[in-house]
PDB file of N, CA and C in Angstrom:
ATOM      1  N   MET A   1     -14.502 -48.854 -20.389  1.00  0.00           N
ATOM      2  CA  MET A   1     -14.907 -49.389 -18.918  1.00  0.00           C
ATOM      3  C   MET A   1     -14.151 -49.671 -18.540  1.00  0.00           C
ATOM      4  N   PRO A   2     -13.105 -49.445 -16.322  1.00  0.00           N
ATOM      5  CA  PRO A   2     -11.988 -49.341 -16.268  1.00  0.00           C
ATOM      6  C   PRO A   2     -11.886 -50.901 -15.702  1.00  0.00           C
ATOM      7  N   SER A   3     -10.247 -52.138 -16.490  1.00  0.00           N
ATOM      8  CA  SER A   3     -10.846 -52.873 -16.260  1.00  0.00           C
ATOM      9  C   SER A   3     -10.538 -53.025 -14.890  1.00  0.00           C
ATOM     10  N   PRO A   4     -11.231 -54.148 -13.928  1.00  0.00           N
ATOM     11  CA  PRO A   4     -11.399 -55.117 -13.299  1.00  0.00           C
ATOM     12  C   PRO A   4      -9.353 -55.185 -11.920  1.00  0.00           C
ATOM     13  N   SER A   5      -8.960 -54.611 -13.111  1.00  0.00           N
ATOM     14  CA  SER A   5      -7.736 -54.328 -11.908  1.00  0.00           C
ATOM     15  C   SER A   5      -7.480 -52.589 -11.735  1.00  0.00           C
ATOM     16  N   SER A   6      -7.630 -51.795 -12.245  1.00  0.00           N
ATOM     17  CA  SER A   6      -7.329 -50.161 -12.015  1.00  0.00           C
ATOM     18  C   SER A   6      -8.887 -50.635 -11.250  1.00  0.00           C
ATOM     19  N   THR A   7      -7.858 -49.546 -10.086  1.00  0.00           N
ATOM     20  CA  THR A   7      -8.905 -48.984  -8.848  1.00  0.00           C
ATOM     21  C   THR A   7      -9.572 -47.146  -9.001  1.00  0.00           C
ATOM     22  N   SER A   8     -10.979 -46.650 -10.177  1.00  0.00           N
ATOM     23  CA  SER A   8     -10.731 -45.852  -9.347  1.00  0.00           C
ATOM     24  C   SER A   8     -11.809 -44.273  -7.894  1.00  0.00           C
ATOM     25  N   TYR A   9     -10.544 -43.051  -8.217  1.00  0.00           N
ATOM     26  CA  TYR A   9     -11.307 -43.174  -6.949  1.00  0.00           C
ATOM     27  C   TYR A   9     -12.556 -41.765  -7.136  1.00  0.00           C
ATOM     28  N   LYS A  10     -12.652 -41.948  -8.124  1.00  0.00           N
ATOM     29  CA  LYS A  10     -14.104 -41.149  -8.236  1.00  0.00           C
ATOM     30  C   LYS A  10     -14.594 -41.078  -8.052  1.00  0.00           C
ATOM     31  N   LEU A  11     -15.657 -40.361  -7.536  1.00  0.00           N
ATOM     32  CA  LEU A  11     -17.114 -40.608  -7.304  1.00  0.00           C
ATOM     33  C   LEU A  11     -18.270 -40.891  -8.795  1.00  0.00           C
ATOM     34  N   PRO A  12     -19.741 -41.390  -8.853  1.00  0.00           N
ATOM     35  CA  PRO A  12     -20.227 -41.295  -9.445  1.00  0.00           C
ATOM     36  C   PRO A  12     -21.288 -40.603 -10.301  1.00  0.00           C
ATOM     37  N   ALA A  13     -21.213 -39.857 -11.401  1.00  0.00           N
ATOM     38  CA  ALA A  13     -21.960 -38.584 -11.585  1.00  0.00           C
ATOM     39  C   ALA A  13     -22.436 -37.256 -11.177  1.00  0.00           C
ATOM     40  N   ARG A  14     -23.760 -38.188 -10.985  1.00  0.00           N
ATOM     41  CA  ARG A  14     -25.047 -37.894  -9.930  1.00  0.00           C
ATOM     42  C   ARG A  14     -24.088 -37.127  -8.792  1.00  0.00           C
ATOM     43  N   TYR A  15     -22.915 -37.289  -8.233  1.00  0.00           N
ATOM     44  CA  TYR A  15     -22.467 -35.765  -7.442  1.00  0.00           C
ATOM     45  C   TYR A  15     -22.178 -34.907  -7.449  1.00  0.00           C
ATOM     46  N   ALA A  16     -21.673 -34.476  -8.568  1.00  0.00           N
ATOM     47  CA  ALA A  16     -22.089 -33.549  -9.432  1.00  0.00           C
ATOM     48  C   ALA A  16     -21.822 -32.861  -9.032  1.00  0.00           C
ATOM     49  N   GLY A  17     -23.403 -32.741  -9.364  1.00  0.00           N
ATOM     50  CA  GLY A  17     -24.716 -30.860  -8.352  1.00  0.00           C
ATOM     51  C   GLY A  17     -24.310 -30.648  -7.354  1.00  0.00           C
ATOM     52  N   LEU A  18     -23.978 -31.576  -6.089  1.00  0.00           N
ATOM     53  CA  LEU A  18     -23.960 -31.857  -4.480  1.00  0.00           C
ATOM     54  C   LEU A  18     -21.998 -30.756  -4.434  1.00  0.00           C
ATOM     55  N   LEU A  19     -21.397 -32.123  -5.119  1.00  0.00           N
ATOM     56  CA  LEU A  19     -19.730 -31.418  -4.981  1.00  0.00           C
ATOM     57  C   LEU A  19     -18.728 -30.558  -5.497  1.00  0.00           C
ATOM     58  N   MET A  20     -19.953 -29.436  -7.104  1.00  0.00           N
ATOM     59  CA  MET A  20     -19.855 -28.544  -7.116  1.00  0.00           C
ATOM     60  C   MET A  20     -20.222 -26.848  -6.358  1.00  0.00           C
ATOM     61  N   PRO A  21     -21.300 -27.346  -5.121  1.00  0.00           N
ATOM     62  CA  PRO A  21     -20.809 -25.544  -4.237  1.00  0.00           C
ATOM     63  C   PRO A  21     -20.981 -25.809  -3.082  1.00  0.00           C
ATOM     64  N   LEU A  22     -19.844 -27.862  -2.824  1.00  0.00           N
ATOM     65  CA  LEU A  22     -19.307 -28.005  -1.612  1.00  0.00           C
ATOM     66  C   LEU A  22     -17.847 -27.040  -2.188  1.00  0.00           C
ATOM     67  N   VAL A  23     -17.515 -26.912  -2.824  1.00  0.00           N
ATOM     68  CA  VAL A  23     -15.993 -26.603  -3.453  1.00  0.00           C
ATOM     69  C   VAL A  23     -16.505 -26.489  -3.384  1.00  0.00           C
ATOM     70  N   LEU A  24     -16.669 -24.604  -3.980  1.00  0.00           N
ATOM     71  CA  LEU A  24     -16.973 -23.434  -4.069  1.00  0.00           C
ATOM     72  C   LEU A  24     -17.411 -23.180  -3.195  1.00  0.00           C
ATOM     73  N   SER A  25     -18.484 -23.085  -2.677  1.00  0.00           N
ATOM     74  CA  SER A  25     -18.467 -23.529  -0.440  1.00  0.00           C
ATOM     75  C   SER A  25     -16.905 -23.036  -0.195  1.00  0.00           C
ATOM     76  N   VAL A  26     -16.525 -23.621   0.275  1.00  0.00           N
ATOM     77  CA  VAL A  26     -14.999 -24.082   0.469  1.00  0.00           C
ATOM     78  C   VAL A  26     -14.127 -22.996   0.781  1.00  0.00           C
ATOM     79  N   LEU A  27     -14.243 -23.249  -1.195  1.00  0.00           N
ATOM     80  CA  LEU A  27     -12.935 -21.766  -1.512  1.00  0.00           C
ATOM     81  C   LEU A  27     -13.263 -20.775  -1.864  1.00  0.00           C
ATOM     82  N   MET A  28     -14.292 -20.405  -1.432  1.00  0.00           N
ATOM     83  CA  MET A  28     -15.062 -18.841  -1.508  1.00  0.00           C
ATOM     84  C   MET A  28     -14.433 -18.111   0.004  1.00  0.00           C
ATOM     85  N   THR A  29     -15.566 -19.260   0.430  1.00  0.00           N
ATOM     86  CA  THR A  29     -15.646 -18.628   2.181  1.00  0.00           C
ATOM     87  C   THR A  29     -13.903 -19.013   3.078  1.00  0.00           C
ATOM     88  N   PHE A  30     -13.577 -19.301   2.395  1.00  0.00           N
ATOM     89  CA  PHE A  30     -11.933 -19.716   2.880  1.00  0.00           C
ATOM     90  C   PHE A  30     -11.296 -18.670   2.523  1.00  0.00           C
ATOM     91  N   VAL A  31     -11.377 -18.494   1.241  1.00  0.00           N
ATOM     92  CA  VAL A  31     -10.731 -16.244   0.841  1.00  0.00           C
ATOM     93  C   VAL A  31     -11.412 -15.435   1.937  1.00  0.00           C
ATOM     94  N   VAL A  32     -12.730 -15.410   1.679  1.00  0.00           N
ATOM     95  CA  VAL A  32     -13.460 -14.191   1.615  1.00  0.00           C
ATOM     96  C   VAL A  32     -12.732 -13.637   3.123  1.00  0.00           C
ATOM     97  N   SER A  33     -12.925 -15.187   3.842  1.00  0.00           N
ATOM     98  CA  SER A  33     -13.059 -14.994   5.275  1.00  0.00           C
ATOM     99  C   SER A  33     -11.388 -14.932   6.218  1.00  0.00           C
ATOM    100  N   ALA A  34     -10.564 -14.646   5.155  1.00  0.00           N
ATOM    101  CA  ALA A  34      -9.268 -14.615   5.815  1.00  0.00           C
ATOM    102  C   ALA A  34      -9.445 -13.042   5.440  1.00  0.00           C
ATOM    103  N   ILE A  35      -9.693 -12.649   4.318  1.00  0.00           N
ATOM    104  CA  ILE A  35      -9.214 -10.710   3.713  1.00  0.00           C
ATOM    105  C   ILE A  35     -10.695 -10.653   4.813  1.00  0.00           C
ATOM    106  N   ALA A  36     -11.592 -10.976   4.962  1.00  0.00           N
ATOM    107  CA  ALA A  36     -11.997  -9.326   6.384  1.00  0.00           C
ATOM    108  C   ALA A  36     -11.544 -10.338   7.447  1.00  0.00           C
ATOM    109  N   THR A  37     -11.429 -11.206   7.823  1.00  0.00           N
ATOM    110  CA  THR A  37     -10.503 -10.993   9.203  1.00  0.00           C
ATOM    111  C   THR A  37      -9.562 -10.234   9.522  1.00  0.00           C
ATOM    112  N   LEU A  38      -8.305 -10.812   8.480  1.00  0.00           N
ATOM    113  CA  LEU A  38      -7.150 -10.121   8.069  1.00  0.00           C
ATOM    114  C   LEU A  38      -7.504  -8.568   8.216  1.00  0.00           C
ATOM    115  N   ARG A  39      -8.363  -7.900   7.435  1.00  0.00           N
ATOM    116  CA  ARG A  39      -8.909  -6.932   7.222  1.00  0.00           C
ATOM    117  C   ARG A  39      -8.632  -6.448   8.711  1.00  0.00           C
ATOM    118  N   SER A  40      -9.566  -7.148   9.766  1.00  0.00           N
ATOM    119  CA  SER A  40     -10.400  -6.352  10.810  1.00  0.00           C
ATOM    120  C   SER A  40      -9.294  -6.449  11.984  1.00  0.00           C
ATOM    121  N   LEU A  41      -8.051  -8.312  12.146  1.00  0.00           N
ATOM    122  CA  LEU A  41      -7.634  -7.863  13.485  1.00  0.00           C
ATOM    123  C   LEU A  41      -5.795  -7.596  13.044  1.00  0.00           C
ATOM    124  N   GLY A  42      -5.940  -8.082  11.614  1.00  0.00           N
ATOM    125  CA  GLY A  42      -4.472  -7.617  11.427  1.00  0.00           C
ATOM    126  C   GLY A  42      -3.693  -8.465  11.161  1.00  0.00           C
ATOM    127  N   ALA A  43      -2.368  -9.018  11.015  1.00  0.00           N
ATOM    128  CA  ALA A  43      -1.497 -10.235  10.991  1.00  0.00           C
ATOM    129  C   ALA A  43      -1.198  -9.969  12.257  1.00  0.00           C
ATOM    130  N   GLY A  44      -1.822 -11.140  12.954  1.00  0.00           N
ATOM    131  CA  GLY A  44      -0.429 -11.707  14.622  1.00  0.00           C
ATOM    132  C   GLY A  44      -1.166 -12.683  14.698  1.00  0.00           C
ATOM    133  N   ALA A  45      -0.895 -12.770  16.042  1.00  0.00           N
ATOM    134  CA  ALA A  45      -2.219 -13.781  16.294  1.00  0.00           C
ATOM    135  C   ALA A  45      -3.449 -14.220  17.363  1.00  0.00           C
ATOM    136  N   ASP A  46      -4.282 -13.080  17.045  1.00  0.00           N
ATOM    137  CA  ASP A  46      -5.416 -13.315  16.994  1.00  0.00           C
ATOM    138  C   ASP A  46      -5.816 -13.144  15.701  1.00  0.00           C
ATOM    139  N   PHE A  47      -5.161 -13.382  14.302  1.00  0.00           N
ATOM    140  CA  PHE A  47      -6.215 -13.234  13.282  1.00  0.00           C
ATOM    141  C   PHE A  47      -5.830 -15.105  13.371  1.00  0.00           C
ATOM    142  N   LEU A  48      -4.700 -15.835  13.419  1.00  0.00           N
ATOM    143  CA  LEU A  48      -4.468 -16.854  13.380  1.00  0.00           C
ATOM    144  C   LEU A  48      -5.688 -17.773  14.938  1.00  0.00           C
ATOM    145  N   ALA A  49      -5.944 -17.146  14.853  1.00  0.00           N
ATOM    146  CA  ALA A  49      -7.135 -17.321  16.158  1.00  0.00           C
ATOM    147  C   ALA A  49      -8.557 -16.925  16.209  1.00  0.00           C
ATOM    148  N   THR A  50      -8.570 -16.256  15.598  1.00  0.00           N
ATOM    149  CA  THR A  50     -10.191 -16.399  14.996  1.00  0.00           C
ATOM    150  C   THR A  50     -10.686 -16.780  14.030  1.00  0.00           C
ATOM    151  N   TRP A  51      -9.744 -16.555  12.413  1.00  0.00           N
ATOM    152  CA  TRP A  51     -10.394 -16.756  11.962  1.00  0.00           C
ATOM    153  C   TRP A  51     -10.673 -18.226  11.033  1.00  0.00           C
ATOM    154  N   PRO A  52      -9.950 -19.077  11.736  1.00  0.00           N
ATOM    155  CA  PRO A  52     -10.446 -20.836  11.169  1.00  0.00           C
ATOM    156  C   PRO A  52     -12.499 -20.874  11.974  1.00  0.00           C
ATOM    157  N   THR A  53     -12.546 -20.907  12.873  1.00  0.00           N
ATOM    158  CA  THR A  53     -13.839 -20.036  13.125  1.00  0.00           C
ATOM    159  C   THR A  53     -14.901 -19.177  12.312  1.00  0.00           C
ATOM    160  N   ALA A  54     -14.200 -18.260  12.259  1.00  0.00           N
ATOM    161  CA  ALA A  54     -14.912 -17.812  10.837  1.00  0.00           C
ATOM    162  C   ALA A  54     -15.077 -18.128  10.015  1.00  0.00           C
ATOM    163  N   TRP A  55     -13.738 -18.583   9.109  1.00  0.00           N
ATOM    164  CA  TRP A  55     -14.859 -19.454   7.966  1.00  0.00           C
ATOM    165  C   TRP A  55     -15.418 -20.878   8.134  1.00  0.00           C
ATOM    166  N   ALA A  56     -15.022 -21.104   9.084  1.00  0.00           N
ATOM    167  CA  ALA A  56     -16.059 -22.690   9.469  1.00  0.00           C
ATOM    168  C   ALA A  56     -18.086 -21.055   9.802  1.00  0.00           C
ATOM    169  N   LEU A  57     -17.457 -20.834  10.202  1.00  0.00           N
ATOM    170  CA  LEU A  57     -19.350 -19.906  11.122  1.00  0.00           C
ATOM    171  C   LEU A  57     -20.149 -19.267   9.116  1.00  0.00           C
ATOM    172  N   SER A  58     -18.760 -19.444   8.017  1.00  0.00           N
ATOM    173  CA  SER A  58     -19.321 -18.457   7.498  1.00  0.00           C
ATOM    174  C   SER A  58     -19.493 -20.057   6.036  1.00  0.00           C
ATOM    175  N   TRP A  59     -19.295 -20.573   6.029  1.00  0.00           N
ATOM    176  CA  TRP A  59     -19.061 -22.162   5.338  1.00  0.00           C
ATOM    177  C   TRP A  59     -20.254 -22.950   5.629  1.00  0.00           C
ATOM    178  N   LEU A  60     -20.660 -22.672   6.919  1.00  0.00           N
ATOM    179  CA  LEU A  60     -22.754 -23.029   7.295  1.00  0.00           C
ATOM    180  C   LEU A  60     -23.141 -22.546   7.231  1.00  0.00           C
ATOM    181  N   VAL A  61     -23.093 -21.023   6.321  1.00  0.00           N
ATOM    182  CA  VAL A  61     -23.903 -20.256   5.150  1.00  0.00           C
ATOM    183  C   VAL A  61     -23.758 -20.427   4.450  1.00  0.00           C
ATOM    184  N   ALA A  62     -22.774 -20.624   4.059  1.00  0.00           N
ATOM    185  CA  ALA A  62     -22.126 -20.216   2.251  1.00  0.00           C
ATOM    186  C   ALA A  62     -23.162 -21.632   1.733  1.00  0.00           C
ATOM    187  N   PHE A  63     -23.298 -23.288   2.479  1.00  0.00           N
ATOM    188  CA  PHE A  63     -23.053 -24.033   1.275  1.00  0.00           C
ATOM    189  C   PHE A  63     -24.370 -24.145   1.227  1.00  0.00           C
ATOM    190  N   PRO A  64     -25.489 -23.991   2.089  1.00  0.00           N
ATOM    191  CA  PRO A  64     -26.937 -24.436   2.182  1.00  0.00           C
ATOM    192  C   PRO A  64     -27.815 -22.970   1.400  1.00  0.00           C
ATOM    193  N   THR A  65     -26.826 -21.578   1.633  1.00  0.00           N
ATOM    194  CA  THR A  65     -27.104 -19.876   0.652  1.00  0.00           C
ATOM    195  C   THR A  65     -26.678 -20.792  -1.096  1.00  0.00           C
ATOM    196  N   LEU A  66     -26.216 -21.534  -0.963  1.00  0.00           N
ATOM    197  CA  LEU A  66     -25.456 -22.287  -2.380  1.00  0.00           C
ATOM    198  C   LEU A  66     -26.120 -22.933  -2.970  1.00  0.00           C
ATOM    199  N   LEU A  67     -26.011 -24.131  -2.111  1.00  0.00           N
ATOM    200  CA  LEU A  67     -28.208 -25.179  -2.590  1.00  0.00           C
ATOM    201  C   LEU A  67     -29.146 -24.641  -2.571  1.00  0.00           C
ATOM    202  N   ALA A  68     -29.645 -23.511  -2.315  1.00  0.00           N
ATOM    203  CA  ALA A  68     -30.772 -23.058  -2.397  1.00  0.00           C
ATOM    204  C   ALA A  68     -30.795 -21.914  -3.736  1.00  0.00           C
ATOM    205  N   VAL A  69     -29.917 -20.926  -3.499  1.00  0.00           N
ATOM    206  CA  VAL A  69     -30.197 -20.617  -5.073  1.00  0.00           C
ATOM    207  C   VAL A  69     -29.091 -20.971  -6.373  1.00  0.00           C
ATOM    208  N   LEU A  70     -28.718 -21.951  -6.152  1.00  0.00           N
ATOM    209  CA  LEU A  70     -28.079 -22.496  -7.213  1.00  0.00           C
ATOM    210  C   LEU A  70     -30.029 -22.788  -8.344  1.00  0.00           C
ATOM    211  N   PRO A  71     -30.664 -23.333  -8.062  1.00  0.00           N
ATOM    212  CA  PRO A  71     -30.993 -23.144  -9.149  1.00  0.00           C
ATOM    213  C   PRO A  71     -31.903 -21.309  -9.942  1.00  0.00           C
ATOM    214  N   LEU A  72     -32.013 -20.398  -8.929  1.00  0.00           N
ATOM    215  CA  LEU A  72     -32.129 -20.081  -9.519  1.00  0.00           C
ATOM    216  C   LEU A  72     -31.328 -18.854 -10.254  1.00  0.00           C
ATOM    217  N   VAL A  73     -30.233 -18.925 -10.402  1.00  0.00           N
ATOM    218  CA  VAL A  73     -28.605 -18.585 -10.595  1.00  0.00           C
ATOM    219  C   VAL A  73     -28.725 -19.497 -11.786  1.00  0.00           C
ATOM    220  N   ARG A  74     -28.919 -20.706 -12.066  1.00  0.00           N
ATOM    221  CA  ARG A  74     -28.957 -21.335 -13.895  1.00  0.00           C
ATOM    222  C   ARG A  74     -30.034 -20.578 -14.321  1.00  0.00           C
ATOM    223  N   ARG A  75     -31.529 -19.599 -13.673  1.00  0.00           N
ATOM    224  CA  ARG A  75     -32.049 -19.949 -14.485  1.00  0.00           C
ATOM    225  C   ARG A  75     -32.307 -18.482 -15.246  1.00  0.00           C
ATOM    226  N   ILE A  76     -31.657 -17.994 -14.880  1.00  0.00           N
ATOM    227  CA  ILE A  76     -30.747 -15.831 -14.910  1.00  0.00           C
ATOM    228  C   ILE A  76     -29.482 -15.793 -15.567  1.00  0.00           C
ATOM    229  N   VAL A  77     -28.687 -17.136 -15.640  1.00  0.00           N
ATOM    230  CA  VAL A  77     -27.782 -17.460 -16.413  1.00  0.00           C
ATOM    231  C   VAL A  77     -27.484 -17.191 -17.844  1.00  0.00           C
ATOM    232  N   GLY A  78     -28.935 -18.244 -17.337  1.00  0.00           N
ATOM    233  CA  GLY A  78     -29.731 -18.724 -18.873  1.00  0.00           C
ATOM    234  C   GLY A  78     -30.608 -17.316 -19.300  1.00  0.00           C
ATOM    235  N   LEU A  79     -30.309 -16.698 -18.665  1.00  0.00           N
ATOM    236  CA  LEU A  79     -31.408 -15.642 -20.198  1.00  0.00           C
ATOM    237  C   LEU A  79     -30.271 -14.613 -20.181  1.00  0.00           C
ATOM    238  N   LEU A  80     -29.399 -15.085 -19.680  1.00  0.00           N
ATOM    239  CA  LEU A  80     -28.897 -13.891 -20.338  1.00  0.00           C
ATOM    240  C   LEU A  80     -27.372 -15.047 -21.371  1.00  0.00           C
ATOM    241  N   VAL A  81     -27.157 -15.343 -21.395  1.00  0.00           N
ATOM    242  CA  VAL A  81     -26.817 -16.610 -22.404  1.00  0.00           C
ATOM    243  C   VAL A  81     -27.159 -17.247 -23.610  1.00  0.00           C
ATOM    244  N   GLU A  82     -26.783 -17.348 -24.480  1.00  0.00           N
ATOM    245  CA  GLU A  82     -27.292 -17.863 -25.660  1.00  0.00           C
ATOM    246  C   GLU A  82     -27.238 -19.646 -25.422  1.00  0.00           C
ATOM    247  N   ALA A  83     -28.531 -19.967 -25.629  1.00  0.00           N
ATOM    248  CA  ALA A  83     -27.552 -22.004 -25.302  1.00  0.00           C
ATOM    249  C   ALA A  83     -27.224 -22.164 -26.520  1.00  0.00           C
ATOM    250  N   PRO A  84     -25.946 -23.404 -25.802  1.00  0.00           N
ATOM    251  CA  PRO A  84     -24.727 -23.661 -27.288  1.00  0.00           C
ATOM    252  C   PRO A  84     -25.694 -24.429 -28.345  1.00  0.00           C
ATOM    253  N   PRO A  85     -25.183 -24.183 -29.811  1.00  0.00           N
ATOM    254  CA  PRO A  85     -25.660 -25.441 -30.617  1.00  0.00           C
ATOM    255  C   PRO A  85     -26.042 -26.817 -30.842  1.00  0.00           C
ATOM    256  N   ARG A  86     -26.668 -27.567 -30.940  1.00  0.00           N
ATOM    257  CA  ARG A  86     -27.464 -28.426 -30.800  1.00  0.00           C
ATOM    258  C   ARG A  86     -26.716 -29.502 -31.813  1.00  0.00           C
TER     259      ARG A  86
END
């Protein structure tokens, strides 16, 4: 337990199930939308003007999708990977 004088900036563990897909969706959509926009428009002013909107839209789709499919993905992974020893 931290001492009263120390300050903790961490969220409680109960938020891990929401924070993991949030961070994953931000990072993945950041990279994928940049690559797709760069491929479509090339490097230049059009890219810089278009990519933030493309990223935001892709994140708005990706985050709720991750939340919805994560239980299914965990089940599939559980079928493919041995359970850790207890």
